[in-house]
Protein backbone atom coordinates (compact mmCIF):
# COMPACT_ATOMS: atom_id res chain seq x y z
CA UNK A 1 -75.67 -72.58 -23.16
CA UNK A 2 -76.59 -69.42 -22.53
CA UNK A 3 -80.51 -68.80 -21.60
CA UNK A 4 -82.86 -66.98 -23.38
CA UNK A 5 -82.88 -63.10 -22.94
CA UNK A 6 -85.75 -61.72 -22.15
CA UNK A 7 -87.45 -58.07 -21.79
CA UNK A 8 -90.55 -56.16 -23.04
CA UNK A 9 -90.19 -53.13 -25.14
CA UNK A 10 -92.52 -51.09 -27.53
CA UNK A 11 -92.61 -49.47 -30.83
CA UNK A 12 -94.48 -45.90 -31.84
CA UNK A 13 -94.84 -45.55 -35.48
CA UNK A 14 -93.43 -42.00 -36.71
CA UNK A 15 -93.88 -40.73 -39.70
CA UNK A 16 -93.32 -41.86 -43.53
CA UNK A 17 -90.06 -41.27 -44.84
CA UNK A 18 -90.56 -41.45 -48.49
CA UNK A 19 -90.53 -45.55 -49.28
CA UNK A 20 -88.96 -45.70 -45.83
CA UNK A 21 -91.15 -46.26 -42.53
CA UNK A 22 -89.45 -44.91 -39.29
CA UNK A 23 -90.74 -45.51 -35.50
CA UNK A 24 -89.35 -44.96 -31.94
CA UNK A 25 -88.02 -47.56 -30.12
CA UNK A 26 -87.71 -48.43 -26.22
CA UNK A 27 -86.74 -52.35 -25.07
CA UNK A 28 -85.57 -53.18 -21.90
CA UNK A 29 -84.34 -56.59 -21.34
CA UNK A 30 -81.98 -59.27 -19.25
CA UNK A 31 -78.81 -59.67 -20.79
CA UNK A 32 -77.07 -62.98 -21.47
CA UNK A 33 -75.32 -62.56 -18.00
CA UNK A 34 -78.72 -61.83 -16.06
CA UNK A 35 -78.39 -58.17 -16.01
CA UNK A 36 -80.64 -55.56 -16.32
CA UNK A 37 -80.08 -53.50 -19.78
CA UNK A 38 -82.41 -51.34 -22.32
CA UNK A 39 -81.87 -48.82 -25.00
CA UNK A 40 -84.32 -46.18 -26.62
CA UNK A 41 -83.98 -44.41 -30.12
CA UNK A 42 -85.67 -44.98 -33.66
CA UNK A 43 -85.59 -47.44 -35.83
CA UNK A 44 -86.07 -47.32 -39.63
CA UNK A 45 -87.25 -49.91 -42.20
CA UNK A 46 -87.54 -50.22 -45.57
CA UNK A 47 -90.10 -53.38 -47.44
CA UNK A 48 -88.28 -55.76 -49.21
CA UNK A 49 -91.05 -57.85 -50.54
CA UNK A 50 -92.60 -61.10 -49.88
CA UNK A 51 -93.37 -60.34 -46.00
CA UNK A 52 -89.13 -59.25 -45.23
CA UNK A 53 -87.80 -55.62 -43.93
CA UNK A 54 -84.48 -54.32 -43.01
CA UNK A 55 -83.75 -52.00 -41.31
CA UNK A 56 -81.46 -49.86 -38.50
CA UNK A 57 -81.94 -48.96 -34.97
CA UNK A 58 -80.01 -45.74 -34.04
CA UNK A 59 -80.51 -46.07 -30.03
CA UNK A 60 -78.61 -44.24 -26.67
CA UNK A 61 -78.14 -48.25 -24.55
CA UNK A 62 -77.60 -49.42 -21.23
CA UNK A 63 -75.42 -51.66 -20.35
CA UNK A 64 -73.67 -53.02 -17.91
CA UNK A 65 -70.50 -53.79 -20.02
CA UNK A 66 -70.13 -49.51 -21.51
CA UNK A 67 -69.13 -48.70 -17.69
CA UNK A 68 -65.21 -48.76 -19.13
CA UNK A 69 -66.21 -45.92 -21.71
CA UNK A 70 -68.24 -43.66 -19.26
CA UNK A 71 -69.51 -44.19 -15.72
CA UNK A 72 -73.33 -43.67 -16.96
CA UNK A 73 -72.94 -47.09 -18.58
CA UNK A 74 -74.69 -45.32 -21.29
CA UNK A 75 -73.51 -45.44 -25.22
CA UNK A 76 -75.18 -44.35 -29.16
CA UNK A 77 -75.68 -47.70 -30.68
CA UNK A 78 -76.57 -48.37 -34.50
CA UNK A 79 -78.32 -52.85 -34.86
CA UNK A 80 -78.99 -53.19 -38.60
CA UNK A 81 -81.99 -55.50 -38.20
CA UNK A 82 -84.44 -57.91 -40.89
CA UNK A 83 -87.65 -58.55 -40.09
CA UNK A 84 -89.81 -61.58 -41.16
CA UNK A 85 -93.92 -60.90 -40.81
CA UNK A 86 -96.09 -63.77 -39.63
CA UNK A 87 -99.78 -62.51 -39.93
CA UNK A 88 -100.15 -59.49 -38.00
CA UNK A 89 -96.58 -60.19 -35.78
CA UNK A 90 -93.61 -59.74 -36.65
CA UNK A 91 -90.24 -61.16 -36.27
CA UNK A 92 -87.15 -58.90 -35.45
CA UNK A 93 -83.35 -59.59 -35.94
CA UNK A 94 -80.75 -58.26 -34.73
CA UNK A 95 -77.49 -58.15 -35.60
CA UNK A 96 -75.70 -56.98 -32.17
CA UNK A 97 -71.54 -56.32 -32.88
CA UNK A 98 -69.09 -57.30 -29.93
CA UNK A 99 -69.06 -55.02 -27.06
CA UNK A 100 -66.22 -57.43 -24.96
CA UNK A 101 -64.61 -58.84 -27.43
CA UNK A 102 -63.63 -58.72 -30.55
CA UNK A 103 -64.60 -62.19 -31.44
CA UNK A 104 -68.39 -61.72 -29.43
CA UNK A 105 -70.80 -61.33 -32.06
CA UNK A 106 -74.34 -61.67 -31.30
CA UNK A 107 -77.82 -62.59 -32.88
CA UNK A 108 -80.88 -61.15 -30.88
CA UNK A 109 -84.64 -61.91 -31.51
CA UNK A 110 -87.62 -60.18 -30.68
CA UNK A 111 -91.10 -61.47 -31.42
CA UNK A 112 -93.23 -58.53 -31.99
CA UNK A 113 -97.08 -58.27 -31.35
CA UNK A 114 -99.26 -55.62 -32.18
CA UNK A 115 -101.47 -54.26 -29.15
CA UNK A 116 -103.82 -51.79 -30.99
CA UNK A 117 -104.31 -50.01 -34.18
């Protein structure tokens, strides 16, 4: 059983895109192998109602497993997610597609806590 992945990130609201909401995001974390990983990009969210949202994060990600693709270990990624609002907090759950093996699907969760308005 893998230990929980830990990290820290931030999200800055960007301009509304019709019924969509956009934000700039950046996260740095220790992956399941306890190695540094990070990404920065933009998340687009659509409200689904009753406290739930869905969206996509498009970002440039650094991950040690990307080293076989280029020497900087950077690749563009698109990560689908679902949000559940918990008062002023949010729980975001990402689907992470396989990187090492085709069968290596993962789910990652983030607790998003606002620090200001």
